[in-house]
Protein backbone atom coordinates (compact mmCIF):
# COMPACT_ATOMS: atom_id res chain seq x y z
CA UNK A 1 28.12 -48.03 -44.35
CA UNK A 2 27.56 -44.28 -45.49
CA UNK A 3 23.72 -44.62 -44.39
CA UNK A 4 25.05 -45.57 -40.69
CA UNK A 5 27.55 -42.79 -41.32
CA UNK A 6 24.87 -40.04 -42.06
CA UNK A 7 22.54 -41.48 -39.74
CA UNK A 8 25.33 -41.44 -36.68
CA UNK A 9 26.06 -37.91 -37.62
CA UNK A 10 22.46 -36.95 -38.01
CA UNK A 11 21.43 -38.50 -34.52
CA UNK A 12 24.68 -36.41 -33.28
CA UNK A 13 23.62 -33.17 -34.48
CA UNK A 14 19.69 -33.78 -33.32
CA UNK A 15 21.08 -34.43 -29.45
CA UNK A 16 23.51 -31.58 -29.66
CA UNK A 17 20.67 -29.19 -30.69
CA UNK A 18 17.65 -30.33 -29.43
CA UNK A 19 18.09 -29.71 -25.71
CA UNK A 20 18.74 -26.07 -26.67
CA UNK A 21 15.93 -25.68 -28.57
CA UNK A 22 13.90 -27.07 -25.72
CA UNK A 23 15.89 -24.60 -23.23
CA UNK A 24 15.19 -21.50 -25.13
CA UNK A 25 11.33 -22.42 -25.35
CA UNK A 26 11.10 -23.24 -21.90
CA UNK A 27 12.88 -20.21 -20.86
CA UNK A 28 10.91 -17.83 -23.16
CA UNK A 29 7.60 -19.28 -21.24
CA UNK A 30 9.28 -18.67 -18.18
CA UNK A 31 9.95 -15.07 -18.88
CA UNK A 32 6.50 -14.91 -19.92
CA UNK A 33 5.10 -16.08 -17.11
CA UNK A 34 7.14 -14.41 -14.44
CA UNK A 35 7.49 -10.53 -14.87
CA UNK A 36 10.97 -9.17 -13.75
CA UNK A 37 11.20 -8.01 -10.05
CA UNK A 38 13.46 -5.58 -9.16
CA UNK A 39 15.51 -7.58 -5.96
CA UNK A 40 15.95 -5.47 -3.17
CA UNK A 41 20.17 -5.05 -1.39
CA UNK A 42 18.32 -6.49 1.63
CA UNK A 43 17.53 -9.73 0.21
CA UNK A 44 20.90 -9.92 -1.78
CA UNK A 45 22.60 -9.21 1.47
CA UNK A 46 20.47 -12.24 3.46
CA UNK A 47 20.92 -14.83 0.82
CA UNK A 48 24.45 -14.25 1.26
CA UNK A 49 24.10 -14.21 4.96
CA UNK A 50 21.75 -17.30 4.85
CA UNK A 51 23.80 -19.30 2.54
CA UNK A 52 26.97 -18.80 5.45
CA UNK A 53 24.78 -20.09 7.15
CA UNK A 54 23.29 -17.54 9.55
CA UNK A 55 20.18 -18.90 11.01
CA UNK A 56 18.35 -15.23 11.48
CA UNK A 57 18.94 -14.43 8.04
CA UNK A 58 17.71 -17.85 6.58
CA UNK A 59 14.71 -17.41 8.95
CA UNK A 60 13.78 -13.82 7.78
CA UNK A 61 14.68 -14.95 4.04
CA UNK A 62 11.98 -17.43 4.46
CA UNK A 63 9.52 -14.89 5.62
CA UNK A 64 10.12 -12.81 2.61
CA UNK A 65 9.69 -15.80 0.02
CA UNK A 66 6.56 -16.69 2.07
CA UNK A 67 5.28 -13.57 2.02
CA UNK A 68 6.43 -12.40 -1.47
CA UNK A 69 8.63 -9.35 -0.07
CA UNK A 70 11.65 -7.46 -1.02
CA UNK A 71 10.87 -8.14 -4.86
CA UNK A 72 10.76 -12.18 -4.32
CA UNK A 73 7.78 -13.73 -5.78
CA UNK A 74 5.74 -15.66 -3.40
CA UNK A 75 7.47 -19.24 -3.15
CA UNK A 76 6.33 -21.79 -0.47
CA UNK A 77 8.78 -24.65 -1.49
CA UNK A 78 11.85 -21.99 -0.72
CA UNK A 79 10.30 -20.81 2.36
CA UNK A 80 9.79 -23.84 3.73
CA UNK A 81 13.47 -24.77 3.09
CA UNK A 82 14.68 -21.88 4.67
CA UNK A 83 12.56 -22.35 7.61
CA UNK A 84 13.82 -25.51 7.77
CA UNK A 85 17.32 -24.71 7.26
CA UNK A 86 17.06 -21.87 10.08
CA UNK A 87 15.49 -24.45 12.39
CA UNK A 88 18.02 -26.87 11.89
CA UNK A 89 21.00 -24.09 12.71
CA UNK A 90 19.00 -23.24 15.86
CA UNK A 91 16.62 -20.82 15.12
CA UNK A 92 13.48 -21.26 17.95
CA UNK A 93 11.25 -18.79 15.39
CA UNK A 94 11.62 -20.88 12.56
CA UNK A 95 10.97 -24.39 14.95
CA UNK A 96 7.74 -22.30 16.02
CA UNK A 97 6.93 -21.57 12.71
CA UNK A 98 7.11 -25.18 11.20
CA UNK A 99 5.20 -26.19 13.83
CA UNK A 100 2.33 -23.91 13.06
CA UNK A 101 2.75 -25.34 9.57
CA UNK A 102 2.45 -28.53 10.50
CA UNK A 103 6.19 -29.58 9.29
CA UNK A 104 7.61 -30.40 12.45
CA UNK A 105 6.34 -32.81 15.12
């Protein structure tokens, strides 16, 4: 009985603390691989407007992610996601850009 209890306590402690250790290592690796960037006020404002559904802001934010401007690291996945969102919200430039990228038929 004592062995089972000790095993259960040990397993519980391992499950509680092991994910945190892995997360710390992952965070350290991410920080080492990605230098800190100063995000511009324009990007912060665009992100606010884009998340509120502004298609023009979504398109502009997509361009900034695609080109790595405003303190943002280049991120094609984020750019594509914002282009798609802008197109979905009626932005013609975003639709045209998606066609050029081959993401829209």
